[in-house]
């Protein structure tokens, strides 16, 4: 799943991005996925659930890639 996300503010918390893009059904599931080390931001594993994702970053995981614009 290759997705583009249009950012409408300075940043979006990582857990919210996963929920809004449909990677997980809930924010709780998104937080679990992040805590288990299953999500990378710009190629590096990210364990902070509310990491600020900004324009130009790429979030990846098993079966998904999200480009933030």
N, C-alpha and C. Protein backbone atom coordinates (compact mmCIF):
# COMPACT_ATOMS: atom_id res chain seq x y z
N UNK A 1 0.86 -1.17 0.00
CA UNK A 1 0.00 0.00 0.00
C UNK A 1 0.90 1.24 0.00
N UNK A 2 0.84 2.02 -1.06
CA UNK A 2 1.64 3.23 -1.21
C UNK A 2 0.67 4.42 -1.13
N UNK A 3 0.85 5.25 -0.11
CA UNK A 3 -0.10 6.34 0.14
C UNK A 3 0.57 7.70 0.14
N UNK A 4 -0.20 8.72 -0.22
CA UNK A 4 0.22 10.11 -0.10
C UNK A 4 -0.70 10.76 0.92
N UNK A 5 -0.11 11.52 1.85
CA UNK A 5 -0.90 12.22 2.87
C UNK A 5 -0.62 13.70 2.77
N UNK A 6 -1.67 14.48 2.61
CA UNK A 6 -1.57 15.95 2.50
C UNK A 6 -1.65 16.55 3.90
N UNK A 7 -0.54 17.08 4.38
CA UNK A 7 -0.47 17.68 5.72
C UNK A 7 -1.06 19.09 5.68
N UNK A 8 -1.95 19.38 6.62
CA UNK A 8 -2.62 20.68 6.63
C UNK A 8 -2.21 21.55 7.82
N UNK A 9 -1.21 21.10 8.58
CA UNK A 9 -0.69 21.88 9.70
C UNK A 9 0.83 21.66 9.74
N UNK A 10 1.48 22.12 10.78
CA UNK A 10 2.94 21.98 10.87
C UNK A 10 3.37 20.52 10.94
N UNK A 11 2.58 19.70 11.65
CA UNK A 11 2.95 18.30 11.84
C UNK A 11 1.71 17.48 12.21
N UNK A 12 1.88 16.16 12.21
CA UNK A 12 0.85 15.24 12.67
C UNK A 12 1.54 14.18 13.53
N UNK A 13 0.97 13.83 14.68
CA UNK A 13 1.57 12.76 15.48
C UNK A 13 1.56 11.44 14.70
N UNK A 14 2.62 10.68 14.83
CA UNK A 14 2.78 9.43 14.08
C UNK A 14 1.59 8.50 14.27
N UNK A 15 1.12 8.32 15.49
CA UNK A 15 0.00 7.40 15.73
C UNK A 15 -1.27 7.86 15.00
N UNK A 16 -1.49 9.17 14.94
CA UNK A 16 -2.66 9.70 14.23
C UNK A 16 -2.53 9.48 12.72
N UNK A 17 -1.33 9.65 12.18
CA UNK A 17 -1.10 9.45 10.76
C UNK A 17 -1.46 8.02 10.35
N UNK A 18 -1.03 7.05 11.14
CA UNK A 18 -1.32 5.64 10.82
C UNK A 18 -2.82 5.37 10.84
N UNK A 19 -3.51 5.99 11.79
CA UNK A 19 -4.96 5.81 11.89
C UNK A 19 -5.67 6.49 10.71
N UNK A 20 -5.31 7.72 10.41
CA UNK A 20 -5.97 8.46 9.33
C UNK A 20 -5.75 7.82 7.96
N UNK A 21 -4.59 7.21 7.76
CA UNK A 21 -4.27 6.59 6.47
C UNK A 21 -4.83 5.17 6.35
N UNK A 22 -5.46 4.67 7.41
CA UNK A 22 -6.07 3.36 7.36
C UNK A 22 -5.11 2.20 7.57
N UNK A 23 -3.91 2.49 8.04
CA UNK A 23 -2.96 1.41 8.34
C UNK A 23 -3.48 0.60 9.53
N UNK A 24 -4.04 1.30 10.52
CA UNK A 24 -4.69 0.65 11.66
C UNK A 24 -6.10 1.20 11.79
N UNK A 25 -6.96 0.46 12.46
CA UNK A 25 -8.35 0.91 12.64
C UNK A 25 -8.48 1.92 13.76
N UNK A 26 -7.60 1.83 14.77
CA UNK A 26 -7.70 2.74 15.92
C UNK A 26 -6.33 3.31 16.27
N UNK A 27 -6.36 4.37 17.05
CA UNK A 27 -5.12 4.96 17.54
C UNK A 27 -4.38 4.02 18.47
N UNK A 28 -5.13 3.23 19.23
CA UNK A 28 -4.52 2.27 20.15
C UNK A 28 -3.72 1.21 19.41
N UNK A 29 -4.27 0.73 18.31
CA UNK A 29 -3.54 -0.26 17.50
C UNK A 29 -2.31 0.38 16.87
N UNK A 30 -2.42 1.63 16.47
CA UNK A 30 -1.27 2.34 15.90
C UNK A 30 -0.16 2.46 16.94
N UNK A 31 -0.51 2.79 18.18
CA UNK A 31 0.48 2.91 19.25
C UNK A 31 1.16 1.58 19.53
N UNK A 32 0.40 0.47 19.47
CA UNK A 32 0.99 -0.85 19.68
C UNK A 32 1.99 -1.18 18.56
N UNK A 33 1.62 -0.88 17.33
CA UNK A 33 2.48 -1.14 16.18
C UNK A 33 3.80 -0.37 16.32
N UNK A 34 3.71 0.88 16.75
CA UNK A 34 4.89 1.72 16.94
C UNK A 34 5.75 1.18 18.09
N UNK A 35 5.12 0.84 19.20
CA UNK A 35 5.84 0.34 20.38
C UNK A 35 6.58 -0.95 20.09
N UNK A 36 6.06 -1.75 19.17
CA UNK A 36 6.70 -3.03 18.82
C UNK A 36 7.83 -2.85 17.80
N UNK A 37 8.11 -1.60 17.41
CA UNK A 37 9.20 -1.33 16.49
C UNK A 37 8.89 -1.69 15.05
N UNK A 38 7.61 -1.66 14.69
CA UNK A 38 7.18 -2.07 13.35
C UNK A 38 7.03 -0.91 12.37
N UNK A 39 7.38 0.32 12.82
CA UNK A 39 7.20 1.51 11.98
C UNK A 39 8.53 2.26 11.89
N UNK A 40 8.87 2.69 10.67
CA UNK A 40 10.09 3.47 10.46
C UNK A 40 9.73 4.83 9.88
N UNK A 41 10.50 5.83 10.26
CA UNK A 41 10.36 7.17 9.71
C UNK A 41 11.68 7.52 9.04
N UNK A 42 11.62 7.81 7.77
CA UNK A 42 12.82 8.11 6.98
C UNK A 42 13.88 7.02 7.12
N UNK A 43 13.43 5.75 7.14
CA UNK A 43 14.35 4.62 7.17
C UNK A 43 14.86 4.19 8.54
N UNK A 44 14.45 4.88 9.61
CA UNK A 44 14.90 4.53 10.95
C UNK A 44 13.71 4.15 11.81
N UNK A 45 13.85 3.08 12.60
CA UNK A 45 12.76 2.63 13.47
C UNK A 45 12.41 3.75 14.44
N UNK A 46 11.12 4.02 14.57
CA UNK A 46 10.63 5.09 15.45
C UNK A 46 9.77 4.47 16.55
N UNK A 47 10.15 4.70 17.80
CA UNK A 47 9.41 4.14 18.93
C UNK A 47 8.57 5.18 19.67
N UNK A 48 8.69 6.45 19.29
CA UNK A 48 7.89 7.50 19.94
C UNK A 48 6.51 7.55 19.27
N UNK A 49 5.49 7.26 20.03
CA UNK A 49 4.14 7.16 19.48
C UNK A 49 3.64 8.48 18.91
N UNK A 50 4.02 9.58 19.54
CA UNK A 50 3.53 10.89 19.09
C UNK A 50 4.63 11.70 18.40
N UNK A 51 5.59 10.99 17.81
CA UNK A 51 6.64 11.65 17.04
C UNK A 51 6.00 12.59 16.02
N UNK A 52 6.53 13.81 15.90
CA UNK A 52 5.96 14.79 14.98
C UNK A 52 6.41 14.49 13.55
N UNK A 53 5.46 14.17 12.70
CA UNK A 53 5.73 13.88 11.30
C UNK A 53 5.44 15.14 10.51
N UNK A 54 6.44 15.55 9.74
CA UNK A 54 6.34 16.80 8.98
C UNK A 54 6.43 16.55 7.47
N UNK A 55 6.14 17.59 6.70
CA UNK A 55 6.20 17.51 5.25
C UNK A 55 7.56 17.00 4.79
N UNK A 56 7.53 16.09 3.82
CA UNK A 56 8.76 15.56 3.25
C UNK A 56 9.22 14.25 3.86
N UNK A 57 8.61 13.84 4.97
CA UNK A 57 9.01 12.59 5.61
C UNK A 57 8.27 11.41 5.00
N UNK A 58 8.89 10.23 5.12
CA UNK A 58 8.30 9.00 4.62
C UNK A 58 8.19 8.01 5.78
N UNK A 59 6.98 7.51 6.00
CA UNK A 59 6.70 6.56 7.07
C UNK A 59 6.46 5.20 6.43
N UNK A 60 7.19 4.18 6.89
CA UNK A 60 7.06 2.85 6.31
C UNK A 60 6.86 1.79 7.38
N UNK A 61 6.34 0.66 6.93
CA UNK A 61 6.15 -0.49 7.79
C UNK A 61 5.82 -1.68 6.93
N UNK A 62 5.39 -2.76 7.56
CA UNK A 62 5.09 -3.99 6.83
C UNK A 62 3.87 -3.79 5.93
N UNK A 63 4.13 -3.63 4.64
CA UNK A 63 3.04 -3.51 3.68
C UNK A 63 2.53 -2.11 3.41
N UNK A 64 3.19 -1.09 3.95
CA UNK A 64 2.73 0.28 3.68
C UNK A 64 3.90 1.26 3.59
N UNK A 65 3.66 2.32 2.83
CA UNK A 65 4.61 3.43 2.71
C UNK A 65 3.79 4.70 2.55
N UNK A 66 3.99 5.66 3.45
CA UNK A 66 3.23 6.89 3.44
C UNK A 66 4.18 8.06 3.17
N UNK A 67 3.89 8.81 2.10
CA UNK A 67 4.67 10.01 1.77
C UNK A 67 3.86 11.20 2.24
N UNK A 68 4.49 12.03 3.10
CA UNK A 68 3.80 13.20 3.65
C UNK A 68 4.15 14.44 2.83
N UNK A 69 3.13 15.13 2.33
CA UNK A 69 3.32 16.34 1.50
C UNK A 69 2.71 17.53 2.19
